[in-house]
Amino acid sequence: MSINYADRIPNNVGLSDNRRLQRALESWQPNYMKWWGEMGPDGSSDFDVYLRTAVSVESDGWANFGFVKMPEYRWGIFLTKPEAERVIPFGDHRGEPVWQEVPGEYRAPLRRLIVTQGDTEPASVEQQRRLGLTCPSLYDLRNLFQINVEEGRHLWAMVYLLHAYFGRDGREEAEAMLERHSGDADRPRILGAFNEPTPNWLSYLMFTYFTDRDGKYQLAALAESGFDPLARTCRFMLTEEAHHMFVGETGVMRVVQRTAEVMRELGTDDPERLRAAGVIDLPTIQKYVNFHYSVSVDLFGQEISTNAANYFTAGLKGRYLESRLDGDHRLTADLWPVHTVREGRIAVEQLSALGAVNERLRDDYIKDCQRGLERWNRALETAGADFRLELPHRFFNRRIGNAANLRISPDGRLIAEAEWQSNASQWLPTPEDMAYVDSLMRRVTAPGKIANWIAPPTRGIDGKPWDFEYVRFNAGN
């Protein structure tokens, strides 16, 4: 499955054999480049960046490293190798051959799934547009740019599906994805988390840990789809998504380690003294965990969802690692524990597993998030700190689902508005917290130098040392 880089649009889907589709995508490309110039990484178009580019979708070919100017990055369309005799693994069509074309009865829901996923990709680039201006090191700047170009490629992946399989409707949806913008009052992005600002690097690292991890689970569910082009597209996207979560997990770890190091040097955990020393105190880090986790948990949608049940029954979107799960894969009689609010308290009820497909995916996500926190806490324990980071209750600060707009404490109590107002500043970042974190954001671009608030990484990229010159600037930058 080598990638054809001779074409204007790199691909491994035989684009040159389909002149109509090739022309349609080539007409979309200038609009994409215009969007990148206006909404992509600010002031970075002339930088030489040490990026990875896929040359094939095989395990030894999807990460080829070299210096590239980002506007010259070869965005393209890459699907994993087709699986011989693959059958639909779940739903009413379980056991039938996968579809290579869109079934007419599922055209609208499939388009909705692809558009919703595709809309998140440019949104995160827009949210991160100005972060390069305050990067803590060249290593971190390079990782930001790698994520940016890959989110752009993920947009290409969804746009290809829309153009190839949905005709005029698909072309119009592809155009609309460049017309919506993160946080725009008139044309916002579809999902709430992708309209939140990402004003500083602590927010960015939390985003890549929590929100990109939601992306992992959404892509994995779509990778089970009976619509084979979508499944193969998402499988390749998952190989790139892994690096995004790595940036988040190791990045927050480095913030925690640096804080713990200064705590040990000063012999104190007092937030004011730590802020005076230029690091981010642990209670503030906990507040950012609380916010970004709660916003990301909302992305899974309603606990009981007719849409999710219909997607599953139709074979369009499965559960995480559906093909490896036990059971009949139809969920006609299965139950699943679902958190609800009943008579002023949080309860767990056994409800239809088919209706609770979103909740099952959320449960897998929460377990995965917890593993990262355990690693951060082991670093705190090793440093001799008593503080431990925690995930708040899944109903904390929710805007969607059974606890939407209810006042739930981080430890899972339904509380009155007065108690919420008295404690919210201890649970979520305050304007003062955000102003302090923002004050630390000073650009560091000398090789081997790093901002005071974050520890250097333990290793670099592609076997290079962490202090390698990963980004080369033009004179004057």
Protein backbone atom coordinates (compact mmCIF):
# COMPACT_ATOMS: atom_id res chain seq x y z
CA MET A 1 0.00 0.00 0.00
CA SER A 2 2.59 2.56 -1.10
CA ILE A 3 1.51 6.17 -1.46
CA ASN A 4 1.66 7.90 -4.82
CA TYR A 5 3.51 11.17 -4.31
CA ALA A 6 3.61 11.92 -8.02
CA ASP A 7 0.02 13.15 -7.96
CA ARG A 8 -0.86 16.64 -6.83
CA ILE A 9 -2.77 14.99 -3.97
CA PRO A 10 -0.75 12.10 -2.49
CA ASN A 11 -2.91 9.02 -2.12
CA ASN A 12 -3.10 5.25 -2.13
CA VAL A 13 -6.68 5.07 -3.44
CA GLY A 14 -5.92 5.25 -7.19
CA LEU A 15 -7.01 8.85 -7.50
CA SER A 16 -5.37 9.25 -10.92
CA ASP A 17 -7.72 6.58 -12.26
CA ASN A 18 -10.78 8.62 -11.28
CA ARG A 19 -10.45 11.92 -13.10
CA ARG A 20 -13.82 13.28 -11.91
CA LEU A 21 -12.94 12.75 -8.25
CA GLN A 22 -9.40 14.00 -8.77
CA ARG A 23 -10.66 17.24 -10.32
CA ALA A 24 -13.19 17.73 -7.51
CA LEU A 25 -10.55 17.33 -4.82
CA GLU A 26 -8.07 19.51 -6.70
CA SER A 27 -10.71 22.25 -6.81
CA TRP A 28 -11.15 21.94 -3.03
CA GLN A 29 -7.40 22.07 -2.39
CA PRO A 30 -6.92 25.84 -2.96
CA ASN A 31 -9.68 26.55 -0.44
CA TYR A 32 -7.93 24.27 2.02
CA MET A 33 -4.62 26.07 1.51
CA LYS A 34 -6.38 29.42 1.96
CA TRP A 35 -7.87 28.15 5.22
CA TRP A 36 -4.45 26.90 6.36
CA GLY A 37 -2.88 30.27 5.61
CA GLU A 38 -5.58 32.14 7.52
CA MET A 39 -6.33 29.72 10.37
CA GLY A 40 -3.29 27.44 10.62
CA PRO A 41 -0.20 27.99 12.84
CA ASP A 42 0.39 31.72 13.08
CA GLY A 43 3.50 33.13 11.42
CA SER A 44 5.11 29.76 10.72
CA SER A 45 4.85 29.31 6.96
CA ASP A 46 8.59 29.73 6.30
CA PHE A 47 9.88 27.49 9.10
CA ASP A 48 11.68 24.24 8.29
CA VAL A 49 10.14 21.70 10.65
CA TYR A 50 11.35 18.16 11.34
CA LEU A 51 8.12 16.33 10.51
CA ARG A 52 7.11 12.78 9.82
CA THR A 53 5.29 12.02 6.59
CA ALA A 54 3.70 8.74 5.57
CA VAL A 55 5.25 7.02 2.53
CA SER A 56 3.12 3.89 2.92
CA VAL A 57 0.51 2.56 5.32
CA GLU A 58 2.64 -0.42 6.27
CA SER A 59 4.20 -0.45 9.75
CA ASP A 60 7.62 0.55 8.39
CA GLY A 61 6.42 3.30 6.09
CA TRP A 62 4.00 5.62 7.78
CA ALA A 63 6.64 7.70 9.60
CA ASN A 64 9.32 9.08 7.29
CA PHE A 65 11.15 12.03 8.92
CA GLY A 66 12.67 15.12 7.35
CA PHE A 67 12.61 18.91 7.30
CA VAL A 68 9.51 20.33 5.61
CA LYS A 69 7.89 23.74 5.37
CA MET A 70 4.35 23.21 6.62
CA PRO A 71 2.54 24.74 3.62
CA GLU A 72 4.50 22.25 1.50
CA TYR A 73 3.52 19.26 3.64
CA ARG A 74 2.11 16.54 1.40
CA TRP A 75 -1.38 16.21 2.82
CA GLY A 76 -3.10 13.27 1.27
CA ILE A 77 -5.56 10.40 1.35
CA PHE A 78 -4.38 7.18 2.95
CA LEU A 79 -6.40 4.06 3.75
CA THR A 80 -5.06 0.93 5.41
CA LYS A 81 -4.72 -2.24 3.38
CA PRO A 82 -8.08 -3.89 2.69
CA GLU A 83 -8.83 -7.00 4.71
CA ALA A 84 -9.73 -9.95 2.49
CA GLU A 85 -13.27 -11.23 3.00
CA ARG A 86 -13.96 -8.82 5.86
CA VAL A 87 -17.51 -9.00 7.16
CA ILE A 88 -19.59 -6.56 9.20
CA PRO A 89 -18.79 -7.41 12.84
CA PHE A 90 -21.93 -6.15 14.62
CA GLY A 91 -25.56 -5.06 14.31
CA ASP A 92 -28.34 -6.39 12.12
CA HIS A 93 -25.92 -6.95 9.22
CA ARG A 94 -23.42 -8.93 11.27
CA GLY A 95 -21.66 -11.53 9.12
CA GLU A 96 -22.51 -9.88 5.80
CA PRO A 97 -19.69 -8.64 3.51
CA VAL A 98 -18.64 -5.08 4.30
CA TRP A 99 -19.92 -2.35 2.00
CA GLN A 100 -17.63 -0.72 -0.54
CA GLU A 101 -20.36 1.75 -1.49
CA VAL A 102 -22.79 3.65 0.73
CA PRO A 103 -26.05 1.73 1.25
CA GLY A 104 -28.88 4.02 0.21
CA GLU A 105 -30.81 3.58 3.44
CA TYR A 106 -27.78 4.66 5.50
CA ARG A 107 -26.63 7.58 3.37
CA ALA A 108 -27.79 10.34 5.74
CA PRO A 109 -26.48 8.85 9.02
CA LEU A 110 -23.15 7.93 7.46
CA ARG A 111 -22.71 11.45 6.14
CA ARG A 112 -23.57 12.83 9.57
CA LEU A 113 -20.93 10.64 11.24
CA ILE A 114 -18.25 11.62 8.73
CA VAL A 115 -19.04 15.33 8.91
CA THR A 116 -19.06 15.37 12.72
CA GLN A 117 -15.69 13.60 12.88
CA GLY A 118 -14.24 15.69 10.07
CA ASP A 119 -15.30 18.96 11.70
CA THR A 120 -13.16 18.27 14.76
CA GLU A 121 -9.94 18.10 12.75
CA PRO A 122 -9.62 21.70 11.49
CA ALA A 123 -11.19 22.91 14.73
CA SER A 124 -8.23 21.83 16.84
CA VAL A 125 -5.80 23.51 14.41
CA GLU A 126 -7.77 26.73 14.84
CA GLN A 127 -7.81 26.37 18.62
CA GLN A 128 -4.01 25.96 18.64
CA ARG A 129 -3.26 28.63 16.04
CA ARG A 130 -1.20 30.97 18.23
CA LEU A 131 0.48 28.51 20.58
CA GLY A 132 3.68 28.53 18.56
CA LEU A 133 4.24 32.11 19.68
CA THR A 134 4.69 30.94 23.29
CA CYS A 135 6.35 27.52 22.87
CA PRO A 136 8.43 26.31 25.84
CA SER A 137 11.09 24.65 23.62
CA LEU A 138 11.88 23.68 20.04
CA TYR A 139 10.95 20.09 20.90
CA ASP A 140 7.49 21.18 21.97
CA LEU A 141 7.09 23.50 19.00
CA ARG A 142 7.89 20.68 16.62
CA ASN A 143 5.33 18.41 18.29
CA LEU A 144 2.68 21.11 18.05
CA PHE A 145 3.35 21.51 14.34
CA GLN A 146 3.31 17.73 13.79
CA ILE A 147 -0.12 17.52 15.38
CA ASN A 148 -1.34 20.50 13.34
CA VAL A 149 -0.36 18.99 9.97
CA GLU A 150 -1.79 15.62 10.92
CA GLU A 151 -5.10 17.13 11.96
CA GLY A 152 -5.09 18.78 8.55
CA ARG A 153 -4.49 15.40 6.93
CA HIS A 154 -7.33 13.89 8.97
CA LEU A 155 -9.57 16.58 7.48
CA TRP A 156 -8.42 15.46 4.04
CA ALA A 157 -9.33 11.87 4.95
CA MET A 158 -12.93 12.82 5.75
CA VAL A 159 -13.21 15.19 2.78
CA TYR A 160 -12.15 12.37 0.46
CA LEU A 161 -14.98 10.18 1.75
CA LEU A 162 -17.48 13.01 1.30
CA HIS A 163 -16.33 13.73 -2.25
CA ALA A 164 -15.98 10.10 -3.28
CA TYR A 165 -19.24 8.70 -1.91
CA PHE A 166 -21.77 11.50 -1.32
CA GLY A 167 -21.91 13.52 -4.55
CA ARG A 168 -23.04 17.14 -4.39
CA ASP A 169 -24.11 16.82 -0.74
CA GLY A 170 -20.61 15.64 0.14
CA ARG A 171 -18.93 18.46 -1.77
CA GLU A 172 -21.09 21.03 0.01
CA GLU A 173 -20.29 19.50 3.40
CA ALA A 174 -16.56 19.60 2.58
CA GLU A 175 -16.81 23.30 1.77
CA ALA A 176 -18.73 23.97 4.98
CA MET A 177 -15.93 22.45 7.07
CA LEU A 178 -13.69 25.31 5.94
CA GLU A 179 -16.41 27.90 6.60
CA ARG A 180 -17.10 27.00 10.24
CA HIS A 181 -14.49 28.17 12.73
CA SER A 182 -13.74 27.31 16.34
CA GLY A 183 -15.50 29.74 18.67
CA ASP A 184 -17.16 31.68 15.84
CA ALA A 185 -20.39 33.22 17.17
CA ASP A 186 -22.20 32.74 13.86
CA ARG A 187 -20.66 29.56 12.45
CA PRO A 188 -19.08 27.60 15.31
CA ARG A 189 -17.73 24.07 15.16
CA ILE A 190 -20.28 21.31 15.68
CA LEU A 191 -19.08 19.98 19.04
CA GLY A 192 -18.75 22.18 22.12
CA ALA A 193 -15.24 21.16 23.18
CA PHE A 194 -13.94 22.36 19.83
CA ASN A 195 -15.20 25.88 20.44
CA GLU A 196 -13.33 26.23 23.73
CA PRO A 197 -10.21 28.44 23.60
CA THR A 198 -6.78 26.87 23.98
CA PRO A 199 -4.93 29.96 25.19
CA ASN A 200 -1.82 28.42 26.71
CA TRP A 201 0.34 25.32 26.71
CA LEU A 202 -1.13 23.81 29.87
CA SER A 203 -4.55 23.90 28.19
CA TYR A 204 -3.00 22.44 25.04
CA LEU A 205 -1.36 19.55 26.89
CA MET A 206 -4.63 18.80 28.68
CA PHE A 207 -6.43 18.97 25.34
CA THR A 208 -4.06 16.51 23.71
CA TYR A 209 -4.38 14.17 26.69
CA PHE A 210 -8.13 14.30 27.26
CA THR A 211 -9.78 15.55 24.06
CA ASP A 212 -7.52 13.75 21.59
CA ARG A 213 -8.16 10.62 23.66
CA ASP A 214 -11.85 11.05 22.93
CA GLY A 215 -10.78 11.12 19.29
CA LYS A 216 -9.06 7.78 19.77
CA TYR A 217 -12.28 6.16 20.96
CA GLN A 218 -14.47 7.78 18.32
CA LEU A 219 -12.07 6.73 15.56
CA ALA A 220 -11.79 3.21 16.97
CA ALA A 221 -15.59 2.90 16.97
CA LEU A 222 -15.73 4.10 13.35
CA ALA A 223 -12.87 1.76 12.44
CA GLU A 224 -15.30 -1.11 13.10
CA SER A 225 -17.79 0.27 10.58
CA GLY A 226 -19.44 -1.92 7.98
CA PHE A 227 -18.69 0.87 5.47
CA ASP A 228 -15.19 -0.33 4.65
CA PRO A 229 -13.66 2.88 3.23
CA LEU A 230 -14.55 4.67 6.49
CA ALA A 231 -13.17 1.83 8.61
CA ARG A 232 -9.88 1.72 6.68
CA THR A 233 -9.54 5.51 6.79
CA CYS A 234 -9.99 5.62 10.56
CA ARG A 235 -7.55 2.77 11.18
CA PHE A 236 -4.78 4.76 9.56
CA MET A 237 -5.79 7.93 11.40
CA LEU A 238 -5.40 6.03 14.68
CA THR A 239 -1.70 5.44 13.97
CA GLU A 240 -1.20 9.22 13.84
CA GLU A 241 -3.53 9.94 16.78
CA ALA A 242 -1.29 7.92 19.11
CA HIS A 243 1.41 10.59 18.91
CA HIS A 244 -1.07 13.31 19.81
CA MET A 245 -1.98 11.53 23.05
CA PHE A 246 1.72 10.86 23.73
CA VAL A 247 2.34 14.61 23.56
CA GLY A 248 -0.42 15.19 26.10
CA GLU A 249 0.50 12.46 28.55
CA THR A 250 4.24 13.14 28.57
CA GLY A 251 3.66 16.90 28.48
CA VAL A 252 1.49 16.98 31.60
CA MET A 253 3.96 14.57 33.23
CA ARG A 254 6.76 17.04 32.56
CA VAL A 255 4.75 19.90 34.09
CA VAL A 256 4.07 17.78 37.17
CA GLN A 257 7.71 16.72 37.44
CA ARG A 258 8.98 20.28 37.22
CA THR A 259 6.56 21.43 39.92
CA ALA A 260 7.54 18.53 42.17
CA GLU A 261 11.20 19.33 41.61
CA VAL A 262 10.74 22.94 42.75
CA MET A 263 8.58 21.80 45.69
CA ARG A 264 11.49 19.65 46.81
CA GLU A 265 14.04 22.43 46.30
CA LEU A 266 11.98 24.94 48.30
CA GLY A 267 10.67 22.46 50.83
CA THR A 268 7.09 23.66 50.39
CA ASP A 269 3.83 22.92 48.61
CA ASP A 270 2.48 26.44 49.15
CA PRO A 271 0.93 27.58 45.84
CA GLU A 272 1.98 31.21 46.29
CA ARG A 273 5.63 30.34 46.85
CA LEU A 274 5.59 27.96 43.91
CA ARG A 275 4.05 30.60 41.69
CA ALA A 276 6.70 33.02 42.83
CA ALA A 277 9.24 30.45 41.67
CA GLY A 278 7.60 30.35 38.23
CA VAL A 279 6.00 26.90 38.19
CA ILE A 280 2.38 25.73 38.15
CA ASP A 281 1.16 24.61 41.56
CA LEU A 282 -0.53 21.20 41.79
CA PRO A 283 -4.00 22.51 42.82
CA THR A 284 -4.05 24.58 39.63
CA ILE A 285 -3.04 21.57 37.56
CA GLN A 286 -5.93 19.68 39.20
CA LYS A 287 -8.36 22.42 38.18
CA TYR A 288 -7.22 22.13 34.57
CA VAL A 289 -7.66 18.35 34.76
CA ASN A 290 -11.19 18.87 36.06
CA PHE A 291 -12.13 21.26 33.27
CA HIS A 292 -10.64 19.45 30.28
CA TYR A 293 -11.80 16.04 31.46
CA SER A 294 -15.38 17.20 31.98
CA VAL A 295 -15.54 18.95 28.60
CA SER A 296 -14.14 15.85 26.90
CA VAL A 297 -16.51 13.45 28.68
CA ASP A 298 -19.37 15.46 27.17
CA LEU A 299 -18.13 14.56 23.69
CA PHE A 300 -19.50 11.03 24.06
CA GLY A 301 -23.03 12.40 24.09
CA GLN A 302 -26.14 11.19 25.88
CA GLU A 303 -25.86 8.15 28.14
CA ILE A 304 -28.90 6.64 26.44
CA SER A 305 -28.91 7.55 22.77
CA THR A 306 -31.32 6.49 20.04
CA ASN A 307 -28.89 7.75 17.40
CA ALA A 308 -26.01 5.68 18.80
CA ALA A 309 -28.28 2.62 18.99
CA ASN A 310 -29.36 3.12 15.39
CA TYR A 311 -25.74 3.54 14.21
CA PHE A 312 -24.85 0.29 15.97
CA THR A 313 -27.84 -1.66 14.69
CA ALA A 314 -27.13 -0.48 11.14
CA GLY A 315 -23.46 -1.54 11.40
CA LEU A 316 -22.15 2.01 10.96
CA LYS A 317 -20.34 2.63 14.26
CA GLY A 318 -19.38 -0.03 16.79
CA ARG A 319 -17.95 -0.19 20.26
CA TYR A 320 -14.27 0.09 21.15
CA LEU A 321 -12.46 -2.99 19.79
CA GLU A 322 -15.84 -4.44 18.79
CA SER A 323 -14.31 -7.37 16.91
CA ARG A 324 -12.52 -8.58 20.05
CA LEU A 325 -15.52 -8.42 22.39
CA ASP A 326 -17.50 -11.43 23.53
CA GLY A 327 -21.26 -11.66 23.04
CA ASP A 328 -23.68 -11.70 20.13
CA HIS A 329 -22.67 -8.23 18.85
CA ARG A 330 -26.32 -7.32 18.38
CA LEU A 331 -27.06 -6.27 21.97
CA THR A 332 -30.72 -7.17 21.66
CA ALA A 333 -30.99 -8.50 25.22
CA ASP A 334 -27.79 -7.24 26.90
CA LEU A 335 -27.72 -4.72 29.75
CA TRP A 336 -25.10 -2.13 30.71
CA PRO A 337 -24.64 -0.07 33.92
CA VAL A 338 -25.63 3.56 33.32
CA HIS A 339 -25.20 6.47 35.73
CA THR A 340 -28.38 8.44 36.34
CA VAL A 341 -29.73 11.00 38.81
CA ARG A 342 -32.73 9.78 40.78
CA GLU A 343 -34.43 11.48 43.74
CA GLY A 344 -31.55 13.81 44.43
CA ARG A 345 -28.74 11.30 44.24
CA ILE A 346 -26.56 9.58 41.67
CA ALA A 347 -27.49 5.97 40.99
CA VAL A 348 -26.37 3.24 38.60
CA GLU A 349 -29.07 1.39 36.67
CA GLN A 350 -28.84 -1.63 34.40
CA LEU A 351 -30.28 -0.44 31.08
CA SER A 352 -30.30 -1.64 27.50
CA ALA A 353 -26.74 -2.09 26.26
CA LEU A 354 -27.92 -1.09 22.79
CA GLY A 355 -29.16 2.28 24.01
CA ALA A 356 -26.03 2.66 26.16
CA VAL A 357 -23.43 2.31 23.38
CA ASN A 358 -22.19 5.84 24.09
CA GLU A 359 -21.88 5.06 27.79
CA ARG A 360 -19.89 1.89 27.08
CA LEU A 361 -17.48 3.95 24.99
CA ARG A 362 -17.29 6.58 27.75
CA ASP A 363 -16.51 3.88 30.33
CA ASP A 364 -13.58 2.64 28.23
CA TYR A 365 -12.37 6.22 27.86
CA ILE A 366 -12.53 6.92 31.60
CA LYS A 367 -10.48 3.81 32.40
CA ASP A 368 -7.89 4.91 29.86
CA CYS A 369 -7.73 8.43 31.32
CA GLN A 370 -7.22 6.99 34.80
CA ARG A 371 -4.14 5.07 33.69
CA GLY A 372 -2.42 8.32 32.75
CA LEU A 373 -3.26 9.92 36.08
CA GLU A 374 -1.78 6.92 37.86
CA ARG A 375 1.48 7.46 36.00
CA TRP A 376 1.52 11.15 36.92
CA ASN A 377 0.82 10.26 40.53
CA ARG A 378 3.66 7.75 40.61
CA ALA A 379 5.95 10.60 39.55
CA LEU A 380 4.62 12.68 42.45
CA GLU A 381 5.12 9.79 44.84
CA THR A 382 8.67 9.26 43.62
CA ALA A 383 9.34 12.98 44.19
CA GLY A 384 8.06 12.71 47.75
CA ALA A 385 4.97 14.87 47.19
CA ASP A 386 1.79 14.03 49.13
CA PHE A 387 -0.57 15.52 46.55
CA ARG A 388 -2.38 13.17 44.12
CA LEU A 389 -4.24 14.17 40.98
CA GLU A 390 -7.74 12.74 40.56
CA LEU A 391 -10.37 12.50 37.87
CA PRO A 392 -13.56 14.22 38.99
CA HIS A 393 -16.83 12.31 38.91
CA ARG A 394 -18.12 11.73 35.39
CA PHE A 395 -21.10 14.00 36.15
CA PHE A 396 -18.97 16.95 37.27
CA ASN A 397 -19.42 20.12 35.18
CA ARG A 398 -21.47 18.38 32.49
CA ARG A 399 -23.44 20.13 29.75
CA ILE A 400 -24.75 17.01 27.98
CA GLY A 401 -26.47 13.88 29.29
CA ASN A 402 -28.15 12.80 32.50
CA ALA A 403 -26.32 15.40 34.60
CA ALA A 404 -26.55 18.28 32.14
CA ASN A 405 -26.42 21.57 34.04
CA LEU A 406 -26.85 19.89 37.43
CA ARG A 407 -24.48 20.88 40.19
CA ILE A 408 -22.32 17.85 40.92
CA SER A 409 -19.18 18.06 43.06
CA PRO A 410 -15.93 16.43 41.93
CA ASP A 411 -16.52 13.63 44.47
CA GLY A 412 -19.94 12.88 43.00
CA ARG A 413 -22.46 14.64 45.23
CA LEU A 414 -25.52 16.44 43.94
CA ILE A 415 -25.20 19.85 45.60
CA ALA A 416 -27.11 23.10 45.87
CA GLU A 417 -26.25 26.16 43.81
CA ALA A 418 -24.92 27.94 46.89
CA GLU A 419 -22.39 25.20 47.60
CA TRP A 420 -21.32 25.18 43.97
CA GLN A 421 -20.77 28.93 43.95
CA SER A 422 -18.79 28.70 47.20
CA ASN A 423 -16.46 26.01 45.85
CA ALA A 424 -16.27 26.46 42.09
CA SER A 425 -13.08 28.49 42.39
CA GLN A 426 -11.46 25.48 44.10
CA TRP A 427 -12.60 23.10 41.38
CA LEU A 428 -12.22 24.96 38.08
CA PRO A 429 -9.63 27.45 36.81
CA THR A 430 -10.41 31.00 37.88
CA PRO A 431 -9.57 34.11 35.86
CA GLU A 432 -6.64 34.60 38.24
CA ASP A 433 -5.41 31.04 37.64
CA MET A 434 -5.64 31.49 33.90
CA ALA A 435 -3.89 34.84 34.04
CA TYR A 436 -1.04 33.31 36.04
CA VAL A 437 -0.61 30.39 33.65
CA ASP A 438 -0.74 32.78 30.71
CA SER A 439 1.97 34.88 32.35
CA LEU A 440 4.38 31.93 32.20
CA MET A 441 4.01 31.54 28.45
CA ARG A 442 7.20 32.97 27.04
CA ARG A 443 8.66 31.71 23.79
CA VAL A 444 11.87 29.69 24.14
CA THR A 445 13.47 28.70 20.84
CA ALA A 446 17.20 28.37 21.51
CA PRO A 447 18.32 24.74 21.07
CA GLY A 448 18.84 23.10 24.45
CA LYS A 449 16.81 25.74 26.32
CA ILE A 450 13.41 25.22 27.91
CA ALA A 451 10.87 27.26 29.86
CA ASN A 452 11.12 27.12 33.65
CA TRP A 453 7.61 25.71 34.22
CA ILE A 454 8.13 22.40 32.39
CA ALA A 455 10.81 19.71 32.61
CA PRO A 456 12.71 18.59 29.51
CA PRO A 457 11.60 15.32 27.92
CA THR A 458 13.49 12.12 28.60
CA ARG A 459 14.10 11.52 24.91
CA GLY A 460 13.70 13.26 21.57
CA ILE A 461 11.98 12.42 18.29
CA ASP A 462 13.20 9.83 15.78
CA GLY A 463 16.26 9.00 17.85
CA LYS A 464 17.38 12.61 17.99
CA PRO A 465 18.28 14.25 21.33
CA TRP A 466 15.59 16.40 22.88
CA ASP A 467 17.67 19.54 22.29
CA PHE A 468 18.01 18.91 18.54
CA GLU A 469 17.14 21.89 16.33
CA TYR A 470 13.72 20.52 15.37
CA VAL A 471 12.55 23.85 13.92
CA ARG A 472 14.76 26.09 11.82
CA PHE A 473 13.68 29.72 11.48
CA ASN A 474 14.33 32.26 8.79
CA ALA A 475 16.34 35.31 9.73
CA GLY A 476 14.26 37.63 11.84
CA ASN A 477 11.99 34.93 13.31
